[in-house]
Amino acid sequence: MVSSIAGGGLFVDLASHTLDLLIFYWARSHAPRAAQAIRRGQYQAEDIVTGHFDFQSGVHGSGTWCFTTGDHVDRVEIVGSRGRSASPRLPTSRSR
């Protein structure tokens, strides 16, 4: 990752799309909480982020975005009281 190309890191570049999808499904979160860290040190931006959400619709959720593993596959999984839904495992641009 070159900071002059994507200085915000992978979370800023990629996770916004997941957050948009969550907001589309369950309305805005009125009490988001998050923790972030730089673990691998490949660039000066967070490479692991965990968030907890209390959506206005009453749904509670959490998410983890980890860009430190060797598994270069993106996946979204939603687990709820009535079942689960998961995206297919999609290769990222890093693994193509």
N, C-alpha and C. Protein backbone atom coordinates (compact mmCIF):
# COMPACT_ATOMS: atom_id res chain seq x y z
N MET A 1 0.85 -1.18 0.00
CA MET A 1 0.00 0.00 0.00
C MET A 1 0.89 1.23 0.00
N VAL A 2 0.69 2.06 -0.94
CA VAL A 2 1.46 3.30 -1.04
C VAL A 2 0.62 4.43 -0.47
N SER A 3 1.13 5.10 0.56
CA SER A 3 0.33 6.12 1.23
C SER A 3 -0.01 7.29 0.31
N SER A 4 0.79 7.54 -0.71
CA SER A 4 0.46 8.64 -1.62
C SER A 4 -0.75 8.29 -2.49
N ILE A 5 -1.05 6.99 -2.64
CA ILE A 5 -2.20 6.56 -3.44
C ILE A 5 -3.44 6.44 -2.56
N ALA A 6 -3.27 5.82 -1.40
CA ALA A 6 -4.41 5.58 -0.51
C ALA A 6 -3.96 5.83 0.93
N GLY A 7 -3.79 7.06 1.27
CA GLY A 7 -3.27 7.41 2.58
C GLY A 7 -4.15 7.04 3.75
N GLY A 8 -5.45 6.83 3.52
CA GLY A 8 -6.34 6.47 4.61
C GLY A 8 -6.28 5.01 5.00
N GLY A 9 -5.64 4.18 4.21
CA GLY A 9 -5.57 2.76 4.49
C GLY A 9 -6.75 2.00 3.94
N LEU A 10 -6.68 0.68 4.09
CA LEU A 10 -7.70 -0.18 3.51
C LEU A 10 -9.07 -0.01 4.16
N PHE A 11 -9.11 0.24 5.46
CA PHE A 11 -10.41 0.42 6.11
C PHE A 11 -11.15 1.61 5.51
N VAL A 12 -10.49 2.73 5.39
CA VAL A 12 -11.13 3.93 4.84
C VAL A 12 -11.54 3.70 3.39
N ASP A 13 -10.69 3.01 2.62
CA ASP A 13 -10.98 2.78 1.21
C ASP A 13 -12.09 1.77 0.97
N LEU A 14 -12.16 0.72 1.80
CA LEU A 14 -13.06 -0.39 1.52
C LEU A 14 -14.26 -0.50 2.46
N ALA A 15 -14.09 -0.25 3.72
CA ALA A 15 -15.15 -0.52 4.69
C ALA A 15 -16.34 0.42 4.55
N SER A 16 -16.14 1.57 3.97
CA SER A 16 -17.27 2.50 3.81
C SER A 16 -18.41 1.85 3.03
N HIS A 17 -18.09 0.95 2.12
CA HIS A 17 -19.14 0.28 1.34
C HIS A 17 -19.95 -0.67 2.23
N THR A 18 -19.29 -1.38 3.13
CA THR A 18 -20.00 -2.24 4.07
C THR A 18 -20.86 -1.41 5.01
N LEU A 19 -20.32 -0.32 5.52
CA LEU A 19 -21.10 0.55 6.41
C LEU A 19 -22.31 1.13 5.69
N ASP A 20 -22.16 1.51 4.44
CA ASP A 20 -23.30 2.01 3.66
C ASP A 20 -24.39 0.94 3.55
N LEU A 21 -23.99 -0.31 3.34
CA LEU A 21 -24.94 -1.41 3.23
C LEU A 21 -25.68 -1.62 4.55
N LEU A 22 -24.97 -1.58 5.66
CA LEU A 22 -25.61 -1.74 6.97
C LEU A 22 -26.61 -0.62 7.24
N ILE A 23 -26.25 0.60 6.90
CA ILE A 23 -27.16 1.74 7.09
C ILE A 23 -28.38 1.59 6.18
N PHE A 24 -28.19 1.12 4.95
CA PHE A 24 -29.30 0.90 4.03
C PHE A 24 -30.29 -0.10 4.61
N TYR A 25 -29.78 -1.20 5.19
CA TYR A 25 -30.64 -2.23 5.74
C TYR A 25 -31.33 -1.81 7.04
N TRP A 26 -30.61 -1.16 7.97
CA TRP A 26 -31.14 -0.98 9.32
C TRP A 26 -31.15 0.45 9.82
N ALA A 27 -30.95 1.42 9.01
CA ALA A 27 -30.95 2.83 9.40
C ALA A 27 -29.67 3.18 10.17
N ARG A 28 -29.46 4.41 10.39
CA ARG A 28 -28.20 4.87 11.02
C ARG A 28 -28.03 4.32 12.43
N SER A 29 -26.78 4.22 12.81
CA SER A 29 -26.45 3.81 14.18
C SER A 29 -26.43 5.06 15.04
N HIS A 30 -27.10 5.01 16.19
CA HIS A 30 -27.12 6.19 17.05
C HIS A 30 -26.07 6.12 18.15
N ALA A 31 -25.34 5.01 18.25
CA ALA A 31 -24.31 4.93 19.28
C ALA A 31 -23.14 4.05 18.81
N PRO A 32 -22.50 4.40 17.70
CA PRO A 32 -21.40 3.55 17.23
C PRO A 32 -20.19 3.65 18.16
N ARG A 33 -19.52 2.54 18.33
CA ARG A 33 -18.28 2.48 19.12
C ARG A 33 -17.27 1.69 18.32
N ALA A 34 -16.01 2.08 18.39
CA ALA A 34 -15.00 1.38 17.59
C ALA A 34 -13.65 1.38 18.28
N ALA A 35 -12.84 0.42 17.90
CA ALA A 35 -11.45 0.36 18.33
C ALA A 35 -10.62 0.04 17.09
N GLN A 36 -9.43 0.59 17.02
CA GLN A 36 -8.58 0.36 15.86
C GLN A 36 -7.14 0.21 16.29
N ALA A 37 -6.34 -0.42 15.43
CA ALA A 37 -4.92 -0.60 15.74
C ALA A 37 -4.12 -0.80 14.45
N ILE A 38 -2.85 -0.52 14.55
CA ILE A 38 -1.91 -0.82 13.47
C ILE A 38 -1.11 -2.03 13.95
N ARG A 39 -1.27 -3.18 13.31
CA ARG A 39 -0.61 -4.41 13.74
C ARG A 39 0.59 -4.77 12.87
N ARG A 40 0.41 -4.80 11.55
CA ARG A 40 1.51 -5.22 10.68
C ARG A 40 2.50 -4.11 10.40
N GLY A 41 2.04 -2.87 10.43
CA GLY A 41 2.94 -1.75 10.20
C GLY A 41 3.38 -1.58 8.76
N GLN A 42 2.61 -2.12 7.83
CA GLN A 42 2.96 -1.95 6.41
C GLN A 42 2.75 -0.51 5.95
N TYR A 43 1.87 0.19 6.60
CA TYR A 43 1.59 1.60 6.30
C TYR A 43 1.06 2.24 7.57
N GLN A 44 1.04 3.54 7.60
CA GLN A 44 0.65 4.28 8.80
C GLN A 44 -0.85 4.55 8.85
N ALA A 45 -1.62 3.49 8.81
CA ALA A 45 -3.07 3.57 8.96
C ALA A 45 -3.53 2.28 9.63
N GLU A 46 -4.68 2.33 10.27
CA GLU A 46 -5.17 1.15 10.97
C GLU A 46 -5.32 -0.02 9.99
N ASP A 47 -4.97 -1.22 10.45
CA ASP A 47 -5.16 -2.40 9.62
C ASP A 47 -6.08 -3.43 10.28
N ILE A 48 -6.59 -3.09 11.46
CA ILE A 48 -7.64 -3.88 12.09
C ILE A 48 -8.58 -2.92 12.83
N VAL A 49 -9.87 -3.08 12.58
CA VAL A 49 -10.88 -2.20 13.18
C VAL A 49 -12.05 -3.07 13.63
N THR A 50 -12.55 -2.82 14.82
CA THR A 50 -13.74 -3.50 15.33
C THR A 50 -14.76 -2.43 15.68
N GLY A 51 -15.99 -2.63 15.27
CA GLY A 51 -17.04 -1.67 15.56
C GLY A 51 -18.27 -2.34 16.14
N HIS A 52 -18.99 -1.62 16.98
CA HIS A 52 -20.25 -2.09 17.56
C HIS A 52 -21.30 -1.03 17.26
N PHE A 53 -22.49 -1.50 16.86
CA PHE A 53 -23.52 -0.58 16.36
C PHE A 53 -24.85 -0.86 17.04
N ASP A 54 -25.56 0.19 17.38
CA ASP A 54 -26.95 0.12 17.83
C ASP A 54 -27.74 0.95 16.83
N PHE A 55 -28.39 0.26 15.90
CA PHE A 55 -29.09 0.96 14.83
C PHE A 55 -30.42 1.51 15.30
N GLN A 56 -30.87 2.58 14.67
CA GLN A 56 -32.13 3.22 15.03
C GLN A 56 -33.31 2.28 14.87
N SER A 57 -33.17 1.26 14.02
CA SER A 57 -34.25 0.29 13.81
C SER A 57 -34.36 -0.71 14.95
N GLY A 58 -33.41 -0.69 15.89
CA GLY A 58 -33.42 -1.63 17.01
C GLY A 58 -32.44 -2.78 16.85
N VAL A 59 -31.85 -2.91 15.69
CA VAL A 59 -30.87 -3.96 15.45
C VAL A 59 -29.54 -3.60 16.11
N HIS A 60 -28.90 -4.57 16.73
CA HIS A 60 -27.57 -4.40 17.31
C HIS A 60 -26.60 -5.23 16.49
N GLY A 61 -25.40 -4.74 16.28
CA GLY A 61 -24.45 -5.51 15.49
C GLY A 61 -23.02 -5.14 15.80
N SER A 62 -22.13 -5.95 15.25
CA SER A 62 -20.71 -5.67 15.37
C SER A 62 -20.02 -6.11 14.08
N GLY A 63 -18.86 -5.57 13.84
CA GLY A 63 -18.10 -5.92 12.65
C GLY A 63 -16.62 -5.85 12.93
N THR A 64 -15.88 -6.68 12.24
CA THR A 64 -14.43 -6.66 12.33
C THR A 64 -13.85 -6.61 10.93
N TRP A 65 -12.97 -5.67 10.72
CA TRP A 65 -12.27 -5.52 9.45
C TRP A 65 -10.80 -5.77 9.74
N CYS A 66 -10.27 -6.87 9.24
CA CYS A 66 -8.89 -7.26 9.54
C CYS A 66 -8.12 -7.37 8.22
N PHE A 67 -7.13 -6.53 8.07
CA PHE A 67 -6.32 -6.52 6.85
C PHE A 67 -4.91 -7.03 7.13
N THR A 68 -4.77 -7.87 8.15
CA THR A 68 -3.45 -8.37 8.52
C THR A 68 -3.26 -9.84 8.20
N THR A 69 -4.30 -10.51 7.76
CA THR A 69 -4.19 -11.94 7.50
C THR A 69 -3.67 -12.20 6.10
N GLY A 70 -3.27 -13.42 5.85
CA GLY A 70 -2.83 -13.83 4.52
C GLY A 70 -4.00 -14.23 3.64
N ASP A 71 -5.20 -14.30 4.20
CA ASP A 71 -6.39 -14.69 3.46
C ASP A 71 -6.90 -13.48 2.70
N HIS A 72 -6.62 -13.40 1.43
CA HIS A 72 -6.98 -12.23 0.62
C HIS A 72 -8.35 -12.42 -0.01
N VAL A 73 -9.34 -12.61 0.84
CA VAL A 73 -10.71 -12.84 0.38
C VAL A 73 -11.64 -11.93 1.17
N ASP A 74 -12.54 -11.26 0.48
CA ASP A 74 -13.54 -10.42 1.13
C ASP A 74 -14.81 -11.23 1.32
N ARG A 75 -15.43 -11.06 2.48
CA ARG A 75 -16.66 -11.77 2.76
C ARG A 75 -17.48 -10.95 3.72
N VAL A 76 -18.77 -10.89 3.49
CA VAL A 76 -19.70 -10.24 4.40
C VAL A 76 -20.67 -11.30 4.88
N GLU A 77 -20.83 -11.42 6.18
CA GLU A 77 -21.77 -12.38 6.75
C GLU A 77 -22.64 -11.65 7.77
N ILE A 78 -23.93 -11.82 7.64
CA ILE A 78 -24.89 -11.23 8.57
C ILE A 78 -25.56 -12.37 9.31
N VAL A 79 -25.47 -12.36 10.64
CA VAL A 79 -26.04 -13.41 11.47
C VAL A 79 -27.09 -12.77 12.37
N GLY A 80 -28.28 -13.33 12.36
CA GLY A 80 -29.35 -12.78 13.18
C GLY A 80 -30.15 -13.86 13.87
N SER A 81 -31.18 -13.47 14.59
CA SER A 81 -31.99 -14.41 15.34
C SER A 81 -32.82 -15.32 14.43
N ARG A 82 -32.99 -14.93 13.18
CA ARG A 82 -33.78 -15.74 12.24
C ARG A 82 -32.92 -16.45 11.19
N GLY A 83 -31.62 -16.40 11.37
CA GLY A 83 -30.76 -17.09 10.42
C GLY A 83 -29.55 -16.25 10.06
N ARG A 84 -28.93 -16.62 8.95
CA ARG A 84 -27.73 -15.91 8.50
C ARG A 84 -27.74 -15.79 6.99
N SER A 85 -27.01 -14.79 6.53
CA SER A 85 -26.83 -14.56 5.11
C SER A 85 -25.37 -14.19 4.90
N ALA A 86 -24.76 -14.77 3.88
CA ALA A 86 -23.35 -14.49 3.62
C ALA A 86 -23.12 -14.27 2.14
N SER A 87 -22.21 -13.37 1.85
CA SER A 87 -21.82 -13.15 0.47
C SER A 87 -20.91 -14.29 0.04
N PRO A 88 -20.80 -14.52 -1.26
CA PRO A 88 -19.79 -15.49 -1.70
C PRO A 88 -18.40 -14.95 -1.37
N ARG A 89 -17.43 -15.82 -1.26
CA ARG A 89 -16.07 -15.40 -0.97
C ARG A 89 -15.49 -14.83 -2.25
N LEU A 90 -15.29 -13.53 -2.25
CA LEU A 90 -14.83 -12.81 -3.43
C LEU A 90 -13.35 -12.50 -3.34
N PRO A 91 -12.57 -12.81 -4.39
CA PRO A 91 -11.15 -12.44 -4.34
C PRO A 91 -11.00 -10.94 -4.38
N THR A 92 -10.07 -10.42 -3.62
CA THR A 92 -9.79 -8.98 -3.62
C THR A 92 -8.81 -8.67 -4.72
N SER A 93 -8.60 -7.38 -4.95
CA SER A 93 -7.66 -6.95 -5.98
C SER A 93 -6.25 -7.39 -5.63
N ARG A 94 -5.97 -7.62 -4.34
CA ARG A 94 -4.63 -8.06 -3.92
C ARG A 94 -4.33 -9.47 -4.36
N SER A 95 -5.36 -10.32 -4.57
CA SER A 95 -5.12 -11.72 -4.90
C SER A 95 -5.31 -12.02 -6.38
N ARG A 96 -5.60 -11.03 -7.18
CA ARG A 96 -5.82 -11.25 -8.62
C ARG A 96 -4.53 -11.22 -9.37
